């Protein structure tokens, strides 16, 4: 399986300011809180929580922060009142976009999403309008420099990974969702450090934007999603992001 512009997203994330990193911590914290509420505070018994802890660590969220979020979410104070809502729509020139939100006010979040799509040359669609174009996968990225490709490939495939590809600066490992935790555990035990580690949605087809206005609007649309505290993940099939 070839790359899907994932690494360009990661490079963008790595260049974030301290304030933007704090936003990333907040968004992952909301995901962890939801996972604890829905499945308990024990990552051994709660695979979703386990996967999110791996994602948090790959994003350099301090262990103390992770522990604090889990303890708070597992308390009886009723402070976790979020719900996860997926929004689907089209960006400029038909780019398929899925936005995952974790919100305590669906009216506010829904209005924000509709506004962003409308303002930047797209439109918010109905549930299912673009999700059929994406496949759920686990995605793990490991820095290529200093990593033995053959050893990594052997370790990943032995652990249950579906595919591994060399994307230049990173090795990208793809897993089935059900095998994601097992693969991350196996690679962690072998000492590999992750640049990114998360459950993702990989598009089956891609859209290339050629109009400068479309590129500008698509970048702005993604920027608005990034700045919204309710948005936890965004997936799209724009092939040439940041090019």
Protein backbone atom coordinates (compact mmCIF):
# COMPACT_ATOMS: atom_id res chain seq x y z
CA UNK A 1 0.00 0.00 0.00
CA UNK A 2 1.47 3.32 -1.00
CA UNK A 3 1.66 6.36 1.25
CA UNK A 4 -1.29 8.67 1.61
CA UNK A 5 0.19 12.10 2.38
CA UNK A 6 0.29 11.07 6.01
CA UNK A 7 3.89 12.06 6.59
CA UNK A 8 3.30 15.56 5.29
CA UNK A 9 0.61 15.94 7.93
CA UNK A 10 3.04 14.72 10.57
CA UNK A 11 5.77 17.14 9.50
CA UNK A 12 3.23 19.93 9.78
CA UNK A 13 2.30 18.79 13.27
CA UNK A 14 5.93 18.62 14.39
CA UNK A 15 6.38 22.28 13.52
CA UNK A 16 3.52 23.45 15.70
CA UNK A 17 4.00 26.18 18.27
CA UNK A 18 3.71 25.51 21.98
CA UNK A 19 0.13 26.79 21.90
CA UNK A 20 -0.76 24.46 19.05
CA UNK A 21 0.87 21.53 20.85
CA UNK A 22 -1.27 22.35 23.88
CA UNK A 23 -4.32 22.11 21.62
CA UNK A 24 -3.18 18.67 20.44
CA UNK A 25 -2.82 17.58 24.08
CA UNK A 26 -6.33 18.86 24.81
CA UNK A 27 -7.87 17.02 21.87
CA UNK A 28 -6.19 13.73 22.69
CA UNK A 29 -7.20 14.23 26.31
CA UNK A 30 -10.85 14.42 25.29
CA UNK A 31 -10.51 11.21 23.30
CA UNK A 32 -8.92 9.47 26.30
CA UNK A 33 -11.63 10.75 28.61
CA UNK A 34 -14.31 9.36 26.31
CA UNK A 35 -12.56 6.01 26.08
CA UNK A 36 -12.34 5.77 29.87
CA UNK A 37 -15.99 6.67 30.26
CA UNK A 38 -17.07 4.08 27.72
CA UNK A 39 -14.68 1.23 28.52
CA UNK A 40 -13.04 1.81 31.89
CA UNK A 41 -9.64 3.02 33.06
CA UNK A 42 -7.69 -0.22 32.57
CA UNK A 43 -5.90 -0.19 29.17
CA UNK A 44 -5.45 -3.95 29.36
CA UNK A 45 -9.21 -4.40 29.27
CA UNK A 46 -9.95 -1.29 27.20
CA UNK A 47 -8.27 -1.58 23.79
CA UNK A 48 -9.49 1.85 22.68
CA UNK A 49 -7.83 3.46 25.69
CA UNK A 50 -4.66 1.47 25.05
CA UNK A 51 -4.50 2.70 21.46
CA UNK A 52 -5.07 6.31 22.53
CA UNK A 53 -2.33 6.11 25.15
CA UNK A 54 0.03 4.99 22.37
CA UNK A 55 -1.18 7.88 20.22
CA UNK A 56 -0.68 10.33 23.10
CA UNK A 57 2.87 9.15 23.70
CA UNK A 58 3.69 9.44 20.00
CA UNK A 59 2.50 13.05 20.23
CA UNK A 60 4.79 13.63 23.23
CA UNK A 61 1.98 14.01 25.76
CA UNK A 62 3.69 13.65 29.17
CA UNK A 63 2.86 10.50 31.15
CA UNK A 64 1.70 12.63 34.08
CA UNK A 65 -0.86 14.32 31.84
CA UNK A 66 -2.12 10.97 30.59
CA UNK A 67 -2.45 9.59 34.13
CA UNK A 68 -4.25 12.73 35.30
CA UNK A 69 -6.76 12.57 32.45
CA UNK A 70 -7.50 8.91 33.13
CA UNK A 71 -7.96 9.48 36.86
CA UNK A 72 -10.24 12.45 36.29
CA UNK A 73 -12.32 10.63 33.69
CA UNK A 74 -12.73 7.56 35.90
CA UNK A 75 -13.98 9.63 38.84
CA UNK A 76 -17.59 9.98 39.87
CA UNK A 77 -17.82 13.74 39.39
CA UNK A 78 -19.70 13.45 36.10
CA UNK A 79 -17.27 15.82 34.42
CA UNK A 80 -17.05 13.83 31.17
CA UNK A 81 -20.13 14.75 29.15
CA UNK A 82 -18.74 14.48 25.65
CA UNK A 83 -20.11 12.63 22.64
CA UNK A 84 -18.28 11.63 19.47
CA UNK A 85 -19.87 12.87 16.23
CA UNK A 86 -18.57 12.28 12.70
CA UNK A 87 -19.23 14.85 10.01
CA UNK A 88 -18.82 14.04 6.32
CA UNK A 89 -18.64 16.40 3.41
CA UNK A 90 -16.79 17.71 0.39
CA UNK A 91 -14.05 20.28 0.20
CA UNK A 92 -13.13 22.27 -2.92
CA UNK A 93 -13.45 20.34 -6.21
CA UNK A 94 -14.93 17.31 -4.49
CA UNK A 95 -12.22 16.47 -1.94
CA UNK A 96 -13.78 13.94 0.44
CA UNK A 97 -13.50 14.95 4.10
CA UNK A 98 -14.41 13.17 7.34
CA UNK A 99 -14.21 15.15 10.58
CA UNK A 100 -14.32 13.42 13.95
CA UNK A 101 -15.40 15.62 16.83
CA UNK A 102 -15.67 15.12 20.58
CA UNK A 103 -18.12 17.68 21.88
CA UNK A 104 -20.32 18.68 24.80
CA UNK A 105 -22.57 20.75 22.54
CA UNK A 106 -23.58 19.16 19.23
CA UNK A 107 -25.49 22.27 18.09
CA UNK A 108 -22.40 24.47 18.42
CA UNK A 109 -20.12 21.94 16.77
CA UNK A 110 -22.55 21.19 13.94
CA UNK A 111 -22.93 24.89 13.19
CA UNK A 112 -19.15 25.33 13.16
CA UNK A 113 -18.64 22.44 10.76
CA UNK A 114 -21.31 23.66 8.35
CA UNK A 115 -19.83 27.17 8.43
CA UNK A 116 -16.31 25.93 7.64
CA UNK A 117 -17.42 23.79 4.71
CA UNK A 118 -19.62 26.54 3.26
CA UNK A 119 -17.02 29.29 3.68
CA UNK A 120 -14.17 27.46 1.99
CA UNK A 121 -15.74 26.08 -1.15
CA UNK A 122 -17.24 22.85 0.11
CA UNK A 123 -20.44 21.52 1.58
CA UNK A 124 -21.40 19.43 4.58
CA UNK A 125 -23.07 16.19 3.51
CA UNK A 126 -25.17 13.44 4.99
CA UNK A 127 -23.79 10.56 7.04
CA UNK A 128 -22.25 8.01 4.66
CA UNK A 129 -21.75 10.40 1.75
CA UNK A 130 -17.96 9.93 1.70
CA UNK A 131 -17.12 7.31 4.35
CA UNK A 132 -17.46 4.53 1.77
CA UNK A 133 -14.32 5.96 0.14
CA UNK A 134 -12.22 5.27 3.25
CA UNK A 135 -11.01 2.11 4.96
CA UNK A 136 -10.27 1.87 8.66
CA UNK A 137 -6.64 0.97 9.32
CA UNK A 138 -4.00 1.28 12.00
CA UNK A 139 -1.12 3.51 10.88
CA UNK A 140 2.30 3.60 12.54
CA UNK A 141 5.14 5.85 11.34
CA UNK A 142 8.77 5.31 12.36
CA UNK A 143 11.67 7.57 11.43
CA UNK A 144 13.66 6.00 8.60
CA UNK A 145 17.02 7.44 9.60
CA UNK A 146 18.88 4.94 11.74
CA UNK A 147 16.25 2.22 11.26
CA UNK A 148 17.09 -1.11 9.62
CA UNK A 149 14.34 -1.61 7.05
CA UNK A 150 14.62 -5.38 6.84
CA UNK A 151 14.58 -5.81 10.62
CA UNK A 152 11.60 -3.50 10.97
CA UNK A 153 9.73 -5.25 8.17
CA UNK A 154 10.35 -8.64 9.75
CA UNK A 155 9.23 -7.45 13.18
CA UNK A 156 6.13 -5.69 11.87
CA UNK A 157 4.92 -8.50 9.61
CA UNK A 158 5.63 -11.10 12.29
CA UNK A 159 3.48 -9.09 14.70
CA UNK A 160 0.57 -9.05 12.24
CA UNK A 161 1.04 -5.90 10.15
CA UNK A 162 -0.52 -5.92 6.68
CA UNK A 163 2.09 -3.83 4.92
CA UNK A 164 5.12 -1.60 5.40
CA UNK A 165 6.29 1.04 2.94
CA UNK A 166 9.29 3.35 2.71
CA UNK A 167 8.03 6.92 2.41
CA UNK A 168 11.49 8.48 2.34
CA UNK A 169 11.80 10.05 5.77
CA UNK A 170 9.61 7.47 7.48
CA UNK A 171 8.58 3.85 7.32
CA UNK A 172 4.80 3.60 7.34
CA UNK A 173 3.24 0.45 8.76
CA UNK A 174 -0.39 -0.45 8.02
CA UNK A 175 -2.43 -2.82 10.16
CA UNK A 176 -5.98 -4.05 10.39
CA UNK A 177 -7.77 -2.22 13.23
CA UNK A 178 -7.99 -5.44 15.23
CA UNK A 179 -4.22 -6.02 14.99
CA UNK A 180 -3.14 -2.45 15.74
CA UNK A 181 -2.51 -2.92 19.48
CA UNK A 182 -0.62 -6.17 19.00
CA UNK A 183 1.68 -4.60 16.41
CA UNK A 184 2.35 -1.47 18.48
CA UNK A 185 3.07 -3.62 21.54
CA UNK A 186 5.46 -5.86 19.62
CA UNK A 187 7.37 -2.95 18.09
CA UNK A 188 7.51 -1.10 21.40
CA UNK A 189 8.99 -4.16 23.08
CA UNK A 190 11.69 -4.22 20.40
CA UNK A 191 12.57 -0.61 21.19
CA UNK A 192 11.04 1.19 18.21
CA UNK A 193 9.93 4.79 18.76
CA UNK A 194 6.86 6.07 16.93
CA UNK A 195 6.53 9.41 15.17
CA UNK A 196 2.81 8.71 14.82
CA UNK A 197 0.65 5.87 16.03
CA UNK A 198 -3.11 5.93 15.57
CA UNK A 199 -6.23 4.40 14.12
CA UNK A 200 -6.86 6.13 10.82
CA UNK A 201 -9.05 6.16 7.72
CA UNK A 202 -7.23 5.61 4.43
CA UNK A 203 -8.87 6.79 1.20
CA UNK A 204 -9.27 4.41 -1.72
CA UNK A 205 -9.04 7.23 -4.27
CA UNK A 206 -7.41 10.65 -4.27
CA UNK A 207 -8.14 14.12 -5.59
CA UNK A 208 -5.44 16.45 -6.93
CA UNK A 209 -6.19 20.16 -6.77
CA UNK A 210 -4.77 22.36 -9.52
CA UNK A 211 -6.57 25.65 -8.94
CA UNK A 212 -4.70 28.04 -6.64
CA UNK A 213 -8.03 29.11 -5.14
CA UNK A 214 -8.97 25.49 -4.41
CA UNK A 215 -5.59 24.81 -2.80
CA UNK A 216 -5.86 27.97 -0.71
CA UNK A 217 -9.41 27.12 0.39
CA UNK A 218 -8.52 23.51 1.21
CA UNK A 219 -5.58 24.62 3.33
CA UNK A 220 -7.79 27.13 5.11
CA UNK A 221 -10.51 24.53 5.69
CA UNK A 222 -8.00 22.15 7.30
CA UNK A 223 -6.60 25.03 9.35
CA UNK A 224 -10.07 25.83 10.71
CA UNK A 225 -10.59 22.20 11.71
CA UNK A 226 -7.16 22.17 13.36
CA UNK A 227 -7.97 25.26 15.42
CA UNK A 228 -11.36 23.99 16.63
CA UNK A 229 -11.05 22.36 20.05
CA UNK A 230 -13.99 20.04 19.32
CA UNK A 231 -12.23 18.45 16.33
CA UNK A 232 -10.11 15.43 17.26
CA UNK A 233 -9.32 13.92 13.83
CA UNK A 234 -9.65 14.86 10.17
CA UNK A 235 -9.26 12.51 7.21
CA UNK A 236 -9.38 13.52 3.55
CA UNK A 237 -8.33 12.35 0.11
CA UNK A 238 -6.45 15.44 -1.06
CA UNK A 239 -3.30 14.00 -2.55
CA UNK A 240 -1.08 17.05 -2.74
CA UNK A 241 -1.39 18.67 0.66
CA UNK A 242 1.52 21.01 1.46
CA UNK A 243 3.09 20.49 -1.93
